[in-house]
Amino acid sequence: MEKKKRKFQVPHVYALLVGLIILCAILTYIIPAGAYDMMTLEDGREVVNPETFHYIEQTPVGLMGTMSAVFRGMLEAAEIVFLIFIFGACFGVIGETGAIEAGLVKASKALAGKEVVIIPVLMVIFSVMGAIIGSAEDLLPYIPICVSLCLALGFDSITGTAIVLCGGAAGFAGAFLNPYTEGVAQSIAGLPMFSGLGYRLVVYGCLVLLTITFVFIYARRVKKNPQLSPMYQIDQAREDKLELDEGTHPFGMRQKLILIALAITVGLLAYGTIQWGWYFEQIAGLFFGLGIVSAILGGLSVNQFANAMGRGMADIATGALVCGFARGIMVVLTDGNIIHTILHATANVLMKLPSVISAIGMYIFQCLLNFVVPSGSGQAAVSMPIMAPLSDLVGVTRQTATLAFQLGDGISNIFTPTSGYFMAALALAKIPWEKWAKWILPLIGLQYLLGAILIVIAHLMNWGPF
């Protein structure tokens, strides 16, 4: 009797990340250790000095270093890990009050027959947030809301998550006024801040149009046949699946006040991050306060409040802790001192290629580097001091070099498991990474291809100012 062939399964994200940590540890024995000296810019930001690369004594990461990388990664990623837990606790409490469900029932009734309109409208809004203020972590509160809304409207949890993540990421990758990626990269490259606006708007429009079209087509297919969704069985089994019954979900004064509090919180989040420079600590405090206010307005007892927080945090524990696993990769590469060696070797290769190939090579390198250094400003600080002068040597404008960084940094942020806010979003949406990865891979491929075309066009038109 023949044995059935085992069907290939995408590895669980924990298994994938542990495998990458071990692989990186092995590479620290193979790749020579090297380093650039750091220099401080006028604004106080530290970047590498491109003229100072030197090899240093090999520092391979041993067995204990490899095994403790996840623990150290957890410590280094503590801010995002605990921010996710706070989000989980907050929405666990709000979920206990039934406010969001009641509001979504009302919204679903109002949108009957016009469901697909919300997809492009919301995605454009989130894309603008990504393009102008670099929204990432501040998009997380919208995930549970959009997922619940899309499930109520007959779509699936992937559609709800994609509206927020894909919309925001398309804008982030095609940013035209984002100070955290475009602004940092241009300042390091010596370019006027936010210069090249005309072509950057074209890049933004192309990426957003492609992304909305992809999500829209998928959403309509799932609406017609829900079983086509990779999340069909999981969505059907969701305990929080919304039934459009106003009797079951009364929209009373308590629910209205909680939703008003949520709206005020989201408004404060946007204003605080832009005007007051809020970051993880303040955002966490804001949403923890929302959880307390919601419990009071919802009439929950002290124990109901505490239990709801516990359930909310437990529901997203797997996704929250992924951030620590992912940071473990960076821990190993840093301990092994091989990141700068890889950067130096790449620069040497690009110098020997024709200019148009070098432009594409810069783009490919930035795409790959983003899997290791998912922070936009961090990636700019490491790569742009080298890529900017290198672009002069190979006949590529610095404006094109910054675009290569921007696209390479932004496209894979909602695919790579090393991206903290992305894994937090999947945790809040309760979508396994392997299911999301399989769904989004075609879109990522199309975006990479579009990015390469846009880089070639920028190079051929000798996009300035220099």
Protein backbone atom coordinates (compact mmCIF):
# COMPACT_ATOMS: atom_id res chain seq x y z
CA MET A 1 0.00 0.00 0.00
CA GLU A 2 1.48 3.33 -1.10
CA LYS A 3 2.00 6.01 1.46
CA LYS A 4 0.30 9.28 0.74
CA LYS A 5 2.68 12.08 -0.08
CA ARG A 6 2.68 14.70 2.60
CA LYS A 7 1.42 18.00 1.28
CA PHE A 8 3.86 20.87 1.69
CA GLN A 9 2.89 23.24 4.45
CA VAL A 10 4.16 26.77 4.94
CA PRO A 11 6.21 26.71 8.15
CA HIS A 12 4.71 28.28 11.24
CA VAL A 13 6.18 31.74 11.71
CA TYR A 14 7.97 30.68 14.92
CA ALA A 15 9.66 27.79 13.07
CA LEU A 16 10.61 30.09 10.18
CA LEU A 17 12.16 32.70 12.44
CA VAL A 18 14.08 30.17 14.51
CA GLY A 19 15.44 28.72 11.27
CA LEU A 20 16.55 32.19 10.14
CA ILE A 21 18.25 32.83 13.49
CA ILE A 22 20.22 29.57 13.16
CA LEU A 23 21.12 30.36 9.52
CA CYS A 24 22.37 33.82 10.47
CA ALA A 25 24.43 32.33 13.29
CA ILE A 26 26.07 29.95 10.78
CA LEU A 27 26.83 32.90 8.48
CA THR A 28 28.75 34.63 11.29
CA TYR A 29 31.32 31.82 10.92
CA ILE A 30 31.53 32.22 7.14
CA ILE A 31 31.26 35.97 6.42
CA PRO A 32 34.21 38.06 7.64
CA ALA A 33 33.36 40.51 10.40
CA GLY A 34 33.61 44.17 9.46
CA ALA A 35 32.48 47.59 10.53
CA TYR A 36 32.05 51.18 9.44
CA ASP A 37 32.78 53.95 11.90
CA MET A 38 29.78 56.05 12.84
CA MET A 39 29.46 59.79 12.37
CA THR A 40 26.95 62.27 13.77
CA LEU A 41 25.00 64.57 11.45
CA GLU A 42 24.04 68.15 12.31
CA ASP A 43 20.63 67.04 13.55
CA GLY A 44 22.25 64.59 15.97
CA ARG A 45 21.43 61.46 13.96
CA GLU A 46 24.14 58.79 13.80
CA VAL A 47 24.92 57.21 10.42
CA VAL A 48 27.76 55.13 9.02
CA ASN A 49 30.82 56.87 7.56
CA PRO A 50 31.11 55.34 4.06
CA GLU A 51 34.91 55.83 3.87
CA THR A 52 35.79 53.95 7.05
CA PHE A 53 35.00 50.28 6.38
CA HIS A 54 37.51 47.91 7.95
CA TYR A 55 37.63 44.25 8.85
CA ILE A 56 37.66 43.38 12.52
CA GLU A 57 38.29 40.29 14.57
CA GLN A 58 35.80 37.53 13.82
CA THR A 59 32.98 37.37 16.37
CA PRO A 60 30.98 34.25 15.48
CA VAL A 61 27.80 33.62 17.43
CA GLY A 62 28.05 30.36 19.33
CA LEU A 63 25.42 27.94 20.54
CA MET A 64 24.53 29.87 23.69
CA GLY A 65 24.38 33.17 21.79
CA THR A 66 22.09 31.60 19.23
CA MET A 67 19.81 30.02 21.81
CA SER A 68 19.58 33.26 23.83
CA ALA A 69 18.91 35.44 20.75
CA VAL A 70 15.14 35.08 21.13
CA PHE A 71 15.30 36.17 24.77
CA ARG A 72 17.44 39.19 23.91
CA GLY A 73 15.15 39.90 20.97
CA MET A 74 12.19 39.93 23.36
CA LEU A 75 13.98 42.48 25.54
CA GLU A 76 14.90 44.70 22.59
CA ALA A 77 11.38 44.49 21.12
CA ALA A 78 9.70 44.93 24.52
CA GLU A 79 8.05 48.23 23.54
CA ILE A 80 6.17 46.84 20.57
CA VAL A 81 5.45 43.51 22.31
CA PHE A 82 3.80 45.16 25.29
CA LEU A 83 2.07 47.75 23.13
CA ILE A 84 0.37 44.85 21.35
CA PHE A 85 -0.68 43.34 24.68
CA ILE A 86 -2.16 46.72 25.72
CA PHE A 87 -4.11 46.88 22.45
CA GLY A 88 -5.37 43.36 23.08
CA ALA A 89 -6.45 44.25 26.62
CA CYS A 90 -8.20 47.43 25.46
CA PHE A 91 -10.16 45.79 22.67
CA GLY A 92 -10.92 42.83 24.92
CA VAL A 93 -12.69 45.24 27.28
CA ILE A 94 -14.47 47.07 24.46
CA GLY A 95 -15.52 43.72 23.03
CA GLU A 96 -17.00 42.75 26.38
CA THR A 97 -19.25 45.84 26.26
CA GLY A 98 -20.54 44.96 22.77
CA ALA A 99 -20.18 48.58 21.62
CA ILE A 100 -18.24 47.97 18.41
CA GLU A 101 -20.51 45.11 17.38
CA ALA A 102 -23.60 47.25 17.92
CA GLY A 103 -22.12 50.13 15.93
CA LEU A 104 -21.08 47.81 13.09
CA VAL A 105 -24.57 46.34 12.87
CA LYS A 106 -25.89 49.87 12.35
CA ALA A 107 -23.19 50.65 9.79
CA SER A 108 -23.78 47.38 7.94
CA LYS A 109 -27.48 48.11 7.59
CA ALA A 110 -26.69 51.58 6.22
CA LEU A 111 -24.16 50.19 3.72
CA ALA A 112 -26.38 47.39 2.42
CA GLY A 113 -25.86 47.07 -1.33
CA LYS A 114 -22.90 49.49 -1.30
CA GLU A 115 -20.37 47.31 0.51
CA VAL A 116 -17.58 47.42 -2.06
CA VAL A 117 -17.48 51.23 -1.98
CA ILE A 118 -15.82 51.21 1.42
CA ILE A 119 -12.77 49.29 0.15
CA PRO A 120 -11.24 51.94 -2.16
CA VAL A 121 -12.36 54.82 0.04
CA LEU A 122 -10.78 53.46 3.23
CA MET A 123 -7.65 52.25 1.43
CA VAL A 124 -7.04 55.72 -0.02
CA ILE A 125 -7.42 57.23 3.47
CA PHE A 126 -4.93 54.78 4.99
CA SER A 127 -2.55 55.21 2.06
CA VAL A 128 -2.49 58.98 2.57
CA MET A 129 -1.68 58.40 6.25
CA GLY A 130 1.23 56.17 5.21
CA ALA A 131 2.45 58.60 2.54
CA ILE A 132 2.40 61.73 4.67
CA ILE A 133 2.95 60.77 8.31
CA GLY A 134 4.48 57.31 7.90
CA SER A 135 1.62 55.56 9.69
CA ALA A 136 2.49 52.05 10.86
CA GLU A 137 1.91 51.23 14.53
CA ASP A 138 -0.82 53.91 14.68
CA LEU A 139 -2.84 51.90 12.14
CA LEU A 140 -3.19 48.96 14.53
CA PRO A 141 -6.38 50.19 16.29
CA TYR A 142 -8.23 50.14 12.97
CA ILE A 143 -7.55 46.43 12.38
CA PRO A 144 -10.18 44.90 14.71
CA ILE A 145 -12.76 47.45 13.54
CA CYS A 146 -12.23 46.84 9.81
CA VAL A 147 -12.08 43.06 10.28
CA SER A 148 -15.39 43.05 12.17
CA LEU A 149 -16.98 45.37 9.61
CA CYS A 150 -15.86 43.25 6.64
CA LEU A 151 -17.06 40.03 8.26
CA ALA A 152 -20.43 41.67 8.87
CA LEU A 153 -20.61 42.82 5.25
CA GLY A 154 -19.94 39.34 3.86
CA PHE A 155 -16.22 39.63 3.16
CA ASP A 156 -13.51 37.92 5.21
CA SER A 157 -10.91 38.85 7.80
CA ILE A 158 -8.19 39.09 5.13
CA THR A 159 -10.18 41.80 3.33
CA GLY A 160 -10.59 43.79 6.54
CA THR A 161 -6.90 43.49 7.37
CA ALA A 162 -5.84 44.26 3.80
CA ILE A 163 -7.85 47.48 3.74
CA VAL A 164 -5.70 48.81 6.58
CA LEU A 165 -2.34 47.12 5.99
CA CYS A 166 -2.19 47.12 2.20
CA GLY A 167 -3.57 50.63 1.97
CA GLY A 168 -1.16 52.01 4.54
CA ALA A 169 1.84 50.08 3.17
CA ALA A 170 1.22 51.19 -0.43
CA GLY A 171 1.22 54.79 0.74
CA PHE A 172 4.29 54.20 2.92
CA ALA A 173 6.26 52.67 0.03
CA GLY A 174 5.16 55.42 -2.36
CA ALA A 175 5.48 58.21 0.20
CA PHE A 176 5.80 61.78 -1.02
CA LEU A 177 5.85 63.66 2.32
CA ASN A 178 6.97 61.03 4.85
CA PRO A 179 9.63 62.55 7.14
CA TYR A 180 10.63 59.18 8.65
CA THR A 181 11.75 57.47 5.42
CA GLU A 182 11.80 59.83 2.46
CA GLY A 183 12.81 62.82 4.59
CA VAL A 184 15.62 60.97 6.40
CA ALA A 185 16.96 59.40 3.19
CA GLN A 186 16.98 62.69 1.30
CA SER A 187 18.67 64.57 4.13
CA ILE A 188 21.43 61.93 4.33
CA ALA A 189 21.83 62.04 0.53
CA GLY A 190 22.14 65.84 0.62
CA LEU A 191 18.92 66.41 -1.31
CA PRO A 192 16.35 69.14 -0.60
CA MET A 193 13.69 67.83 1.77
CA PHE A 194 10.70 66.32 -0.10
CA SER A 195 12.21 67.21 -3.48
CA GLY A 196 11.11 65.36 -6.61
CA LEU A 197 7.48 65.65 -5.54
CA GLY A 198 6.00 65.34 -9.04
CA TYR A 199 7.42 61.91 -9.83
CA ARG A 200 6.90 60.73 -6.25
CA LEU A 201 3.19 61.44 -6.65
CA VAL A 202 3.22 59.28 -9.79
CA VAL A 203 4.93 56.47 -7.84
CA TYR A 204 2.37 56.81 -5.03
CA GLY A 205 -0.56 56.76 -7.46
CA CYS A 206 0.71 53.68 -9.33
CA LEU A 207 1.32 51.67 -6.16
CA VAL A 208 -1.99 52.59 -4.55
CA LEU A 209 -3.98 51.89 -7.73
CA LEU A 210 -2.36 48.47 -8.14
CA THR A 211 -2.96 47.59 -4.48
CA ILE A 212 -6.59 48.72 -4.38
CA THR A 213 -7.33 46.81 -7.60
CA PHE A 214 -5.82 43.61 -6.18
CA VAL A 215 -7.75 43.83 -2.88
CA PHE A 216 -10.98 44.90 -4.61
CA ILE A 217 -10.96 41.95 -7.04
CA TYR A 218 -10.24 39.51 -4.22
CA ALA A 219 -12.98 40.99 -2.01
CA ARG A 220 -15.61 40.69 -4.74
CA ARG A 221 -14.66 37.05 -5.37
CA VAL A 222 -14.95 36.23 -1.66
CA LYS A 223 -18.26 38.09 -1.45
CA LYS A 224 -19.65 35.88 -4.21
CA ASN A 225 -18.11 32.66 -2.88
CA PRO A 226 -16.94 32.86 0.77
CA GLN A 227 -15.33 29.42 0.58
CA LEU A 228 -12.60 30.85 -1.68
CA SER A 229 -11.17 32.64 1.35
CA PRO A 230 -8.09 31.03 2.97
CA MET A 231 -9.65 32.12 6.26
CA TYR A 232 -13.11 30.64 5.59
CA GLN A 233 -13.04 27.91 8.24
CA ILE A 234 -11.32 30.10 10.82
CA ASP A 235 -13.72 32.98 10.21
CA GLN A 236 -16.71 30.65 10.50
CA ALA A 237 -15.45 29.43 13.86
CA ARG A 238 -14.77 32.89 15.28
CA GLU A 239 -16.48 33.44 18.59
CA ASP A 240 -16.65 37.16 17.83
CA LYS A 241 -18.29 36.67 14.42
CA LEU A 242 -20.89 39.37 14.05
CA GLU A 243 -24.53 38.56 13.34
CA LEU A 244 -26.51 41.42 11.82
CA ASP A 245 -29.26 41.33 14.41
CA GLU A 246 -30.11 44.64 16.08
CA GLY A 247 -32.01 42.77 18.76
CA THR A 248 -28.89 40.85 19.76
CA HIS A 249 -26.72 43.96 19.55
CA PRO A 250 -28.72 46.90 20.91
CA PHE A 251 -27.21 50.29 20.13
CA GLY A 252 -28.02 52.08 23.36
CA MET A 253 -26.52 55.09 25.11
CA ARG A 254 -23.69 53.08 26.71
CA GLN A 255 -22.58 51.76 23.33
CA LYS A 256 -22.76 55.20 21.73
CA LEU A 257 -20.64 56.76 24.47
CA ILE A 258 -17.99 54.03 24.16
CA LEU A 259 -17.76 54.54 20.39
CA ILE A 260 -17.47 58.28 20.93
CA ALA A 261 -14.63 57.59 23.38
CA LEU A 262 -12.98 55.34 20.78
CA ALA A 263 -13.30 58.05 18.11
CA ILE A 264 -11.79 60.65 20.45
CA THR A 265 -8.94 58.26 21.25
CA VAL A 266 -8.17 57.68 17.56
CA GLY A 267 -8.24 61.45 17.00
CA LEU A 268 -5.86 61.98 19.92
CA LEU A 269 -3.63 59.23 18.54
CA ALA A 270 -3.33 60.98 15.18
CA TYR A 271 -2.78 64.41 16.72
CA GLY A 272 -0.41 63.17 19.41
CA THR A 273 1.88 61.29 17.02
CA ILE A 274 2.07 64.22 14.59
CA GLN A 275 2.14 67.25 16.91
CA TRP A 276 3.49 65.92 20.20
CA GLY A 277 5.80 63.17 18.98
CA TRP A 278 3.98 60.40 20.83
CA TYR A 279 5.50 56.96 20.59
CA PHE A 280 4.91 53.55 22.13
CA GLU A 281 4.71 54.66 25.77
CA GLN A 282 2.14 57.39 25.17
CA ILE A 283 0.12 55.30 22.69
CA ALA A 284 -0.02 52.43 25.19
CA GLY A 285 -1.13 54.78 27.95
CA LEU A 286 -3.81 56.26 25.71
CA PHE A 287 -5.37 52.90 24.90
CA PHE A 288 -5.05 51.56 28.43
CA GLY A 289 -7.01 54.61 29.52
CA LEU A 290 -9.59 53.90 26.82
CA GLY A 291 -10.00 50.39 28.24
CA ILE A 292 -10.72 51.79 31.71
CA VAL A 293 -13.15 54.41 30.37
CA SER A 294 -14.93 51.78 28.26
CA ALA A 295 -15.34 49.50 31.28
CA ILE A 296 -16.89 52.34 33.28
CA LEU A 297 -19.19 53.45 30.47
CA GLY A 298 -20.13 49.84 29.72
CA GLY A 299 -21.06 49.14 33.33
CA LEU A 300 -18.54 46.31 33.78
CA SER A 301 -17.65 45.14 37.26
CA VAL A 302 -14.02 45.17 38.39
CA ASN A 303 -13.69 41.43 37.79
CA GLN A 304 -15.39 41.61 34.40
CA PHE A 305 -12.93 44.34 33.43
CA ALA A 306 -9.94 42.30 34.59
CA ASN A 307 -11.11 39.08 32.94
CA ALA A 308 -11.80 40.89 29.66
CA MET A 309 -8.29 42.34 29.68
CA GLY A 310 -6.82 38.89 30.32
CA ARG A 311 -8.77 37.30 27.48
CA GLY A 312 -7.83 40.11 25.11
CA MET A 313 -4.13 39.71 25.86
CA ALA A 314 -4.28 35.93 25.63
CA ASP A 315 -5.91 36.10 22.21
CA ILE A 316 -2.97 37.97 20.70
CA ALA A 317 -0.09 36.46 22.69
CA THR A 318 1.22 34.37 19.79
CA GLY A 319 1.40 37.35 17.45
CA ALA A 320 2.82 39.69 20.08
CA LEU A 321 5.72 37.41 20.93
CA VAL A 322 6.62 36.98 17.25
CA CYS A 323 8.18 40.45 17.40
CA GLY A 324 10.76 39.17 19.89
CA PHE A 325 11.56 36.16 17.72
CA ALA A 326 12.02 38.46 14.72
CA ARG A 327 14.32 40.84 16.60
CA GLY A 328 16.48 37.82 17.47
CA ILE A 329 17.72 37.79 13.85
CA MET A 330 19.08 41.31 14.22
CA VAL A 331 20.67 40.35 17.54
CA VAL A 332 22.67 37.56 15.88
CA LEU A 333 23.74 39.66 12.88
CA THR A 334 24.82 42.50 15.16
CA ASP A 335 26.78 40.22 17.50
CA GLY A 336 28.45 38.60 14.49
CA ASN A 337 29.35 42.03 13.00
CA ILE A 338 28.48 40.96 9.45
CA ILE A 339 25.82 43.52 8.45
CA HIS A 340 28.38 46.14 7.44
CA THR A 341 30.45 43.53 5.61
CA ILE A 342 27.43 42.58 3.50
CA LEU A 343 26.76 46.27 2.82
CA HIS A 344 30.37 46.90 1.79
CA ALA A 345 30.47 43.86 -0.51
CA THR A 346 27.22 44.91 -2.19
CA ALA A 347 28.59 48.39 -2.87
CA ASN A 348 31.71 46.91 -4.48
CA VAL A 349 29.61 44.72 -6.78
CA LEU A 350 27.31 47.56 -7.84
CA MET A 351 30.27 49.74 -8.82
CA LYS A 352 31.21 47.27 -11.58
CA LEU A 353 27.77 47.17 -13.26
CA PRO A 354 26.20 49.38 -15.97
CA SER A 355 24.31 52.34 -14.49
CA VAL A 356 20.78 51.06 -15.16
CA ILE A 357 21.70 47.64 -13.70
CA SER A 358 23.27 49.40 -10.71
CA ALA A 359 20.00 51.27 -10.12
CA ILE A 360 18.09 47.99 -10.13
CA GLY A 361 20.82 46.45 -7.97
CA MET A 362 20.39 49.19 -5.37
CA TYR A 363 16.66 48.53 -5.37
CA ILE A 364 17.11 44.76 -4.97
CA PHE A 365 19.63 45.27 -2.18
CA GLN A 366 17.29 47.59 -0.28
CA CYS A 367 14.47 45.05 -0.72
CA LEU A 368 16.63 42.32 0.81
CA LEU A 369 18.02 44.56 3.56
CA ASN A 370 14.48 45.34 4.69
CA PHE A 371 14.02 41.71 5.74
CA VAL A 372 16.86 42.21 8.23
CA VAL A 373 16.42 45.89 9.15
CA PRO A 374 12.65 46.54 8.94
CA SER A 375 12.92 50.00 10.52
CA GLY A 376 12.67 52.64 7.79
CA SER A 377 14.80 55.30 9.49
CA GLY A 378 17.21 52.60 10.71
CA GLN A 379 17.66 51.21 7.20
CA ALA A 380 18.25 54.73 5.87
CA ALA A 381 20.92 55.39 8.51
CA VAL A 382 22.76 52.18 7.60
CA SER A 383 22.48 52.16 3.81
CA MET A 384 22.03 55.71 2.47
CA PRO A 385 25.44 57.09 3.55
CA ILE A 386 26.93 54.39 1.29
CA MET A 387 24.35 54.29 -1.50
CA ALA A 388 24.25 58.07 -2.00
CA PRO A 389 27.97 58.56 -2.89
CA LEU A 390 27.95 55.20 -4.69
CA SER A 391 25.17 56.47 -6.97
CA ASP A 392 27.47 59.31 -8.08
CA LEU A 393 30.15 56.81 -9.08
CA VAL A 394 27.86 54.51 -11.07
CA GLY A 395 25.89 57.24 -12.91
CA VAL A 396 22.63 57.02 -10.95
CA THR A 397 21.07 60.19 -9.56
CA ARG A 398 20.80 60.47 -5.81
CA GLN A 399 17.08 61.04 -6.18
CA THR A 400 16.80 57.63 -7.84
CA ALA A 401 18.93 56.10 -5.07
CA THR A 402 16.56 57.46 -2.42
CA LEU A 403 13.59 56.10 -4.35
CA ALA A 404 15.28 52.68 -4.49
CA PHE A 405 15.62 52.82 -0.71
CA GLN A 406 12.05 53.98 -0.21
CA LEU A 407 10.47 51.26 -2.36
CA GLY A 408 12.78 48.56 -1.06
CA ASP A 409 12.04 49.58 2.51
CA GLY A 410 8.28 49.82 2.13
CA ILE A 411 6.99 47.03 -0.08
CA SER A 412 7.76 44.00 2.07
CA ASN A 413 6.73 45.55 5.41
CA ILE A 414 3.43 43.65 5.34
CA PHE A 415 5.01 40.35 4.32
CA THR A 416 8.22 39.87 6.28
CA PRO A 417 7.75 38.34 9.76
CA THR A 418 10.56 40.57 11.04
CA SER A 419 8.23 43.59 10.79
CA GLY A 420 6.91 44.21 14.30
CA TYR A 421 3.82 46.29 13.56
CA PHE A 422 2.80 43.91 10.77
CA MET A 423 2.93 40.86 13.03
CA ALA A 424 1.01 42.86 15.63
CA ALA A 425 -1.68 43.56 13.04
CA LEU A 426 -2.02 39.86 12.18
CA ALA A 427 -2.28 39.10 15.89
CA LEU A 428 -5.11 41.60 16.29
CA ALA A 429 -6.84 40.20 13.18
CA LYS A 430 -6.24 36.60 14.37
CA ILE A 431 -4.80 35.63 10.98
CA PRO A 432 -1.92 33.09 10.90
CA TRP A 433 1.14 34.49 9.12
CA GLU A 434 1.39 31.51 6.78
CA LYS A 435 -2.15 32.09 5.47
CA TRP A 436 -1.56 35.80 4.99
CA ALA A 437 1.82 35.17 3.30
CA LYS A 438 0.29 32.79 0.79
CA TRP A 439 -2.49 35.28 0.00
CA ILE A 440 -0.33 38.40 -0.33
CA LEU A 441 2.66 36.90 -2.17
CA PRO A 442 1.18 37.63 -5.66
CA LEU A 443 0.56 41.27 -4.68
CA ILE A 444 4.09 41.62 -3.26
CA GLY A 445 5.47 40.19 -6.52
CA LEU A 446 3.46 42.67 -8.59
CA GLN A 447 4.57 45.55 -6.37
CA TYR A 448 8.23 44.52 -6.66
CA LEU A 449 7.89 44.39 -10.44
CA LEU A 450 6.16 47.78 -10.55
CA GLY A 451 8.87 49.19 -8.28
CA ALA A 452 11.60 47.98 -10.64
CA ILE A 453 9.82 49.59 -13.60
CA LEU A 454 9.48 52.88 -11.72
CA ILE A 455 13.20 52.78 -10.82
CA VAL A 456 14.18 52.24 -14.48
CA ILE A 457 11.93 55.11 -15.58
CA ALA A 458 13.46 57.39 -12.92
CA HIS A 459 16.95 56.46 -14.14
CA LEU A 460 16.16 56.91 -17.84
CA MET A 461 14.69 60.38 -17.24
CA ASN A 462 17.80 61.29 -15.20
CA TRP A 463 15.57 62.30 -12.32
CA GLY A 464 17.24 65.14 -10.41
CA PRO A 465 18.07 67.47 -8.79
CA PHE A 466 21.36 65.57 -8.88
